Amino acid sequence: MDLRETIGSFVDERPEQGDSLTLYRENGRVYLQTWFSDGCHSRDEMAVTQTEHGMRLDDKGGNFFGEFFVMTAAGLEFHNDAGCFYTAPFYREQAEA
């Protein structure tokens, strides 16, 4: 039985957001689970590519806007074709561990 391994937990601190994101590995696959401030959630399987900047994460289901994530030591960066437009920091509890 393969257990879920948390890779990172993040919080979107932008105004009007408050979403929590958890990146984890389960059964050899990597997923990004998002709990939105309204109580809804999503779970997306991610394609992982190691880069010089960190772990790049692309939604295997595709992204209409061409957005992707990069996990760095600072947190989870949100990218589009113009570059990084936001970095969600690690949850405080994880950063202190």
N, C-alpha and C. Protein backbone atom coordinates (compact mmCIF):
# COMPACT_ATOMS: atom_id res chain seq x y z
N MET A 1 0.84 -1.18 0.00
CA MET A 1 0.00 0.00 0.00
C MET A 1 0.89 1.24 0.00
N ASP A 2 0.73 2.08 -0.98
CA ASP A 2 1.51 3.30 -1.12
C ASP A 2 0.82 4.41 -0.35
N LEU A 3 1.56 5.08 0.52
CA LEU A 3 0.98 6.17 1.30
C LEU A 3 1.19 7.51 0.63
N ARG A 4 0.36 8.43 0.98
CA ARG A 4 0.47 9.80 0.47
C ARG A 4 1.64 10.50 1.17
N GLU A 5 2.56 11.06 0.38
CA GLU A 5 3.72 11.77 0.89
C GLU A 5 3.58 13.25 0.53
N THR A 6 3.47 14.10 1.53
CA THR A 6 3.36 15.54 1.28
C THR A 6 4.71 16.08 0.86
N ILE A 7 4.72 16.78 -0.26
CA ILE A 7 5.94 17.42 -0.77
C ILE A 7 6.01 18.85 -0.27
N GLY A 8 4.86 19.54 -0.25
CA GLY A 8 4.81 20.91 0.23
C GLY A 8 3.39 21.37 0.42
N SER A 9 3.18 22.26 1.39
CA SER A 9 1.88 22.86 1.64
C SER A 9 2.05 24.37 1.61
N PHE A 10 1.11 25.06 0.95
CA PHE A 10 1.24 26.49 0.68
C PHE A 10 -0.08 27.18 0.94
N VAL A 11 -0.01 28.51 1.10
CA VAL A 11 -1.22 29.31 1.27
C VAL A 11 -1.16 30.49 0.30
N ASP A 12 -2.26 30.73 -0.38
CA ASP A 12 -2.38 31.85 -1.30
C ASP A 12 -2.86 33.05 -0.49
N GLU A 13 -1.93 33.98 -0.19
CA GLU A 13 -2.24 35.11 0.68
C GLU A 13 -2.72 36.35 -0.05
N ARG A 14 -2.99 36.22 -1.34
CA ARG A 14 -3.48 37.39 -2.07
C ARG A 14 -4.87 37.78 -1.56
N PRO A 15 -5.18 39.09 -1.63
CA PRO A 15 -6.52 39.53 -1.19
C PRO A 15 -7.62 38.77 -1.92
N GLU A 16 -8.66 38.42 -1.18
CA GLU A 16 -9.83 37.71 -1.73
C GLU A 16 -9.54 36.26 -2.09
N GLN A 17 -8.36 35.72 -1.74
CA GLN A 17 -8.04 34.33 -2.08
C GLN A 17 -8.14 33.44 -0.85
N GLY A 18 -7.05 33.25 -0.13
CA GLY A 18 -7.07 32.42 1.07
C GLY A 18 -7.09 30.93 0.78
N ASP A 19 -6.73 30.54 -0.45
CA ASP A 19 -6.73 29.12 -0.81
C ASP A 19 -5.54 28.41 -0.18
N SER A 20 -5.72 27.13 0.14
CA SER A 20 -4.60 26.32 0.60
C SER A 20 -4.30 25.28 -0.47
N LEU A 21 -3.01 25.05 -0.71
CA LEU A 21 -2.56 24.14 -1.75
C LEU A 21 -1.63 23.11 -1.14
N THR A 22 -1.80 21.86 -1.50
CA THR A 22 -0.94 20.79 -1.03
C THR A 22 -0.43 20.01 -2.22
N LEU A 23 0.87 19.92 -2.31
CA LEU A 23 1.53 19.14 -3.35
C LEU A 23 1.95 17.83 -2.71
N TYR A 24 1.52 16.71 -3.30
CA TYR A 24 1.85 15.42 -2.69
C TYR A 24 2.08 14.34 -3.75
N ARG A 25 2.74 13.28 -3.31
CA ARG A 25 3.00 12.12 -4.15
C ARG A 25 2.19 10.94 -3.60
N GLU A 26 1.51 10.24 -4.51
CA GLU A 26 0.72 9.08 -4.13
C GLU A 26 0.75 8.07 -5.28
N ASN A 27 1.09 6.83 -4.96
CA ASN A 27 1.15 5.77 -5.97
C ASN A 27 2.02 6.16 -7.16
N GLY A 28 3.15 6.83 -6.88
CA GLY A 28 4.10 7.19 -7.92
C GLY A 28 3.70 8.39 -8.76
N ARG A 29 2.59 9.02 -8.45
CA ARG A 29 2.12 10.19 -9.19
C ARG A 29 2.14 11.41 -8.28
N VAL A 30 2.26 12.59 -8.89
CA VAL A 30 2.28 13.85 -8.13
C VAL A 30 0.98 14.59 -8.39
N TYR A 31 0.36 15.08 -7.32
CA TYR A 31 -0.91 15.80 -7.40
C TYR A 31 -0.80 17.14 -6.69
N LEU A 32 -1.58 18.10 -7.17
CA LEU A 32 -1.75 19.38 -6.49
C LEU A 32 -3.22 19.48 -6.11
N GLN A 33 -3.46 19.53 -4.81
CA GLN A 33 -4.83 19.65 -4.30
C GLN A 33 -5.02 21.07 -3.78
N THR A 34 -6.08 21.69 -4.21
CA THR A 34 -6.37 23.06 -3.79
C THR A 34 -7.71 23.10 -3.07
N TRP A 35 -7.71 23.68 -1.89
CA TRP A 35 -8.95 23.95 -1.16
C TRP A 35 -9.19 25.44 -1.26
N PHE A 36 -10.27 25.81 -1.91
CA PHE A 36 -10.60 27.21 -2.13
C PHE A 36 -11.32 27.78 -0.92
N SER A 37 -11.26 29.10 -0.77
CA SER A 37 -11.85 29.75 0.40
C SER A 37 -13.36 29.54 0.50
N ASP A 38 -14.02 29.20 -0.62
CA ASP A 38 -15.47 28.96 -0.58
C ASP A 38 -15.83 27.52 -0.22
N GLY A 39 -14.80 26.68 0.07
CA GLY A 39 -15.04 25.30 0.47
C GLY A 39 -14.91 24.29 -0.65
N CYS A 40 -14.86 24.73 -1.90
CA CYS A 40 -14.67 23.82 -3.03
C CYS A 40 -13.21 23.38 -3.08
N HIS A 41 -12.97 22.28 -3.80
CA HIS A 41 -11.58 21.86 -3.94
C HIS A 41 -11.35 21.22 -5.31
N SER A 42 -10.08 21.14 -5.67
CA SER A 42 -9.70 20.46 -6.90
C SER A 42 -8.48 19.59 -6.61
N ARG A 43 -8.30 18.58 -7.42
CA ARG A 43 -7.16 17.67 -7.32
C ARG A 43 -6.69 17.41 -8.73
N ASP A 44 -5.48 17.87 -9.05
CA ASP A 44 -4.96 17.76 -10.41
C ASP A 44 -3.66 16.99 -10.42
N GLU A 45 -3.55 16.03 -11.34
CA GLU A 45 -2.29 15.31 -11.50
C GLU A 45 -1.33 16.22 -12.25
N MET A 46 -0.08 16.25 -11.78
CA MET A 46 0.91 17.16 -12.33
C MET A 46 2.04 16.39 -13.02
N ALA A 47 2.52 16.95 -14.12
CA ALA A 47 3.74 16.48 -14.77
C ALA A 47 4.89 17.25 -14.13
N VAL A 48 5.92 16.54 -13.70
CA VAL A 48 7.03 17.16 -12.96
C VAL A 48 8.28 17.19 -13.83
N THR A 49 8.92 18.35 -13.87
CA THR A 49 10.20 18.52 -14.55
C THR A 49 11.14 19.26 -13.62
N GLN A 50 12.32 18.71 -13.37
CA GLN A 50 13.31 19.40 -12.55
C GLN A 50 14.00 20.45 -13.40
N THR A 51 14.08 21.68 -12.91
CA THR A 51 14.76 22.76 -13.61
C THR A 51 15.81 23.35 -12.68
N GLU A 52 16.62 24.25 -13.19
CA GLU A 52 17.63 24.90 -12.36
C GLU A 52 16.98 25.81 -11.32
N HIS A 53 15.73 26.20 -11.52
CA HIS A 53 15.02 27.09 -10.61
C HIS A 53 14.19 26.34 -9.57
N GLY A 54 13.90 25.07 -9.82
CA GLY A 54 13.09 24.29 -8.91
C GLY A 54 12.28 23.25 -9.66
N MET A 55 11.30 22.69 -8.99
CA MET A 55 10.45 21.65 -9.56
C MET A 55 9.31 22.30 -10.34
N ARG A 56 9.31 22.15 -11.67
CA ARG A 56 8.23 22.69 -12.50
C ARG A 56 7.07 21.71 -12.51
N LEU A 57 5.86 22.25 -12.36
CA LEU A 57 4.65 21.44 -12.29
C LEU A 57 3.65 21.93 -13.33
N ASP A 58 3.31 21.05 -14.26
CA ASP A 58 2.32 21.35 -15.29
C ASP A 58 1.13 20.43 -15.11
N ASP A 59 -0.06 20.98 -15.18
CA ASP A 59 -1.29 20.21 -15.06
C ASP A 59 -1.37 19.23 -16.23
N LYS A 60 -1.42 17.93 -15.93
CA LYS A 60 -1.50 16.92 -16.99
C LYS A 60 -2.77 17.05 -17.81
N GLY A 61 -3.80 17.62 -17.24
CA GLY A 61 -5.05 17.83 -17.95
C GLY A 61 -5.02 19.07 -18.84
N GLY A 62 -3.92 19.81 -18.78
CA GLY A 62 -3.79 21.02 -19.56
C GLY A 62 -4.26 22.24 -18.80
N ASN A 63 -3.84 23.39 -19.25
CA ASN A 63 -4.25 24.65 -18.64
C ASN A 63 -4.56 25.62 -19.76
N PHE A 64 -5.78 26.04 -19.83
CA PHE A 64 -6.27 26.92 -20.88
C PHE A 64 -5.45 28.21 -20.99
N PHE A 65 -4.93 28.69 -19.86
CA PHE A 65 -4.20 29.95 -19.84
C PHE A 65 -2.69 29.77 -19.97
N GLY A 66 -2.22 28.52 -20.08
CA GLY A 66 -0.79 28.27 -20.21
C GLY A 66 -0.02 28.48 -18.92
N GLU A 67 -0.70 28.44 -17.81
CA GLU A 67 -0.05 28.65 -16.52
C GLU A 67 0.55 27.36 -15.99
N PHE A 68 1.60 27.51 -15.16
CA PHE A 68 2.24 26.38 -14.52
C PHE A 68 2.82 26.86 -13.19
N PHE A 69 3.34 25.94 -12.39
CA PHE A 69 3.91 26.24 -11.08
C PHE A 69 5.37 25.83 -11.06
N VAL A 70 6.14 26.48 -10.17
CA VAL A 70 7.51 26.06 -9.88
C VAL A 70 7.68 26.11 -8.37
N MET A 71 8.02 24.95 -7.76
CA MET A 71 8.27 24.93 -6.32
C MET A 71 9.73 25.26 -6.08
N THR A 72 9.97 26.31 -5.29
CA THR A 72 11.31 26.75 -4.94
C THR A 72 11.44 26.79 -3.43
N ALA A 73 12.59 27.20 -2.94
CA ALA A 73 12.79 27.32 -1.50
C ALA A 73 11.88 28.40 -0.91
N ALA A 74 11.43 29.34 -1.72
CA ALA A 74 10.55 30.43 -1.25
C ALA A 74 9.09 30.03 -1.19
N GLY A 75 8.70 29.01 -1.93
CA GLY A 75 7.30 28.59 -1.95
C GLY A 75 6.89 28.09 -3.33
N LEU A 76 5.62 28.23 -3.64
CA LEU A 76 5.07 27.76 -4.91
C LEU A 76 4.82 28.97 -5.81
N GLU A 77 5.64 29.07 -6.87
CA GLU A 77 5.52 30.18 -7.80
C GLU A 77 4.44 29.88 -8.84
N PHE A 78 3.63 30.89 -9.15
CA PHE A 78 2.61 30.81 -10.19
C PHE A 78 3.19 31.51 -11.41
N HIS A 79 3.23 30.81 -12.55
CA HIS A 79 3.82 31.35 -13.77
C HIS A 79 2.81 31.38 -14.91
N ASN A 80 3.01 32.35 -15.81
CA ASN A 80 2.32 32.37 -17.09
C ASN A 80 3.35 32.74 -18.14
N ASP A 81 2.93 33.07 -19.35
CA ASP A 81 3.90 33.34 -20.41
C ASP A 81 4.73 34.59 -20.15
N ALA A 82 4.33 35.44 -19.21
CA ALA A 82 5.09 36.63 -18.87
C ALA A 82 6.07 36.38 -17.73
N GLY A 83 6.02 35.20 -17.10
CA GLY A 83 6.91 34.88 -15.98
C GLY A 83 6.15 34.63 -14.70
N CYS A 84 6.85 34.72 -13.59
CA CYS A 84 6.25 34.49 -12.27
C CYS A 84 5.41 35.70 -11.88
N PHE A 85 4.14 35.45 -11.54
CA PHE A 85 3.28 36.56 -11.13
C PHE A 85 2.86 36.50 -9.67
N TYR A 86 3.18 35.41 -8.97
CA TYR A 86 2.87 35.32 -7.54
C TYR A 86 3.61 34.12 -6.95
N THR A 87 4.03 34.25 -5.68
CA THR A 87 4.63 33.13 -4.95
C THR A 87 3.83 32.89 -3.69
N ALA A 88 3.23 31.70 -3.59
CA ALA A 88 2.49 31.31 -2.38
C ALA A 88 3.51 30.74 -1.39
N PRO A 89 3.62 31.31 -0.20
CA PRO A 89 4.60 30.82 0.77
C PRO A 89 4.18 29.46 1.35
N PHE A 90 5.18 28.77 1.88
CA PHE A 90 4.92 27.53 2.61
C PHE A 90 4.08 27.87 3.84
N TYR A 91 3.25 26.92 4.28
CA TYR A 91 2.56 27.10 5.56
C TYR A 91 3.60 27.30 6.64
N ARG A 92 3.33 28.15 7.58
CA ARG A 92 4.26 28.46 8.66
C ARG A 92 4.72 27.20 9.37
N GLU A 93 3.80 26.28 9.69
CA GLU A 93 4.16 25.07 10.42
C GLU A 93 5.20 24.25 9.65
N GLN A 94 5.05 24.18 8.33
CA GLN A 94 5.99 23.41 7.53
C GLN A 94 7.33 24.13 7.48
N ALA A 95 7.32 25.45 7.34
CA ALA A 95 8.56 26.21 7.24
C ALA A 95 9.38 26.11 8.53
N GLU A 96 8.70 25.93 9.67
CA GLU A 96 9.39 25.85 10.95
C GLU A 96 9.88 24.45 11.25
N ALA A 97 9.38 23.45 10.53
CA ALA A 97 9.76 22.05 10.80
C ALA A 97 11.19 21.77 10.40
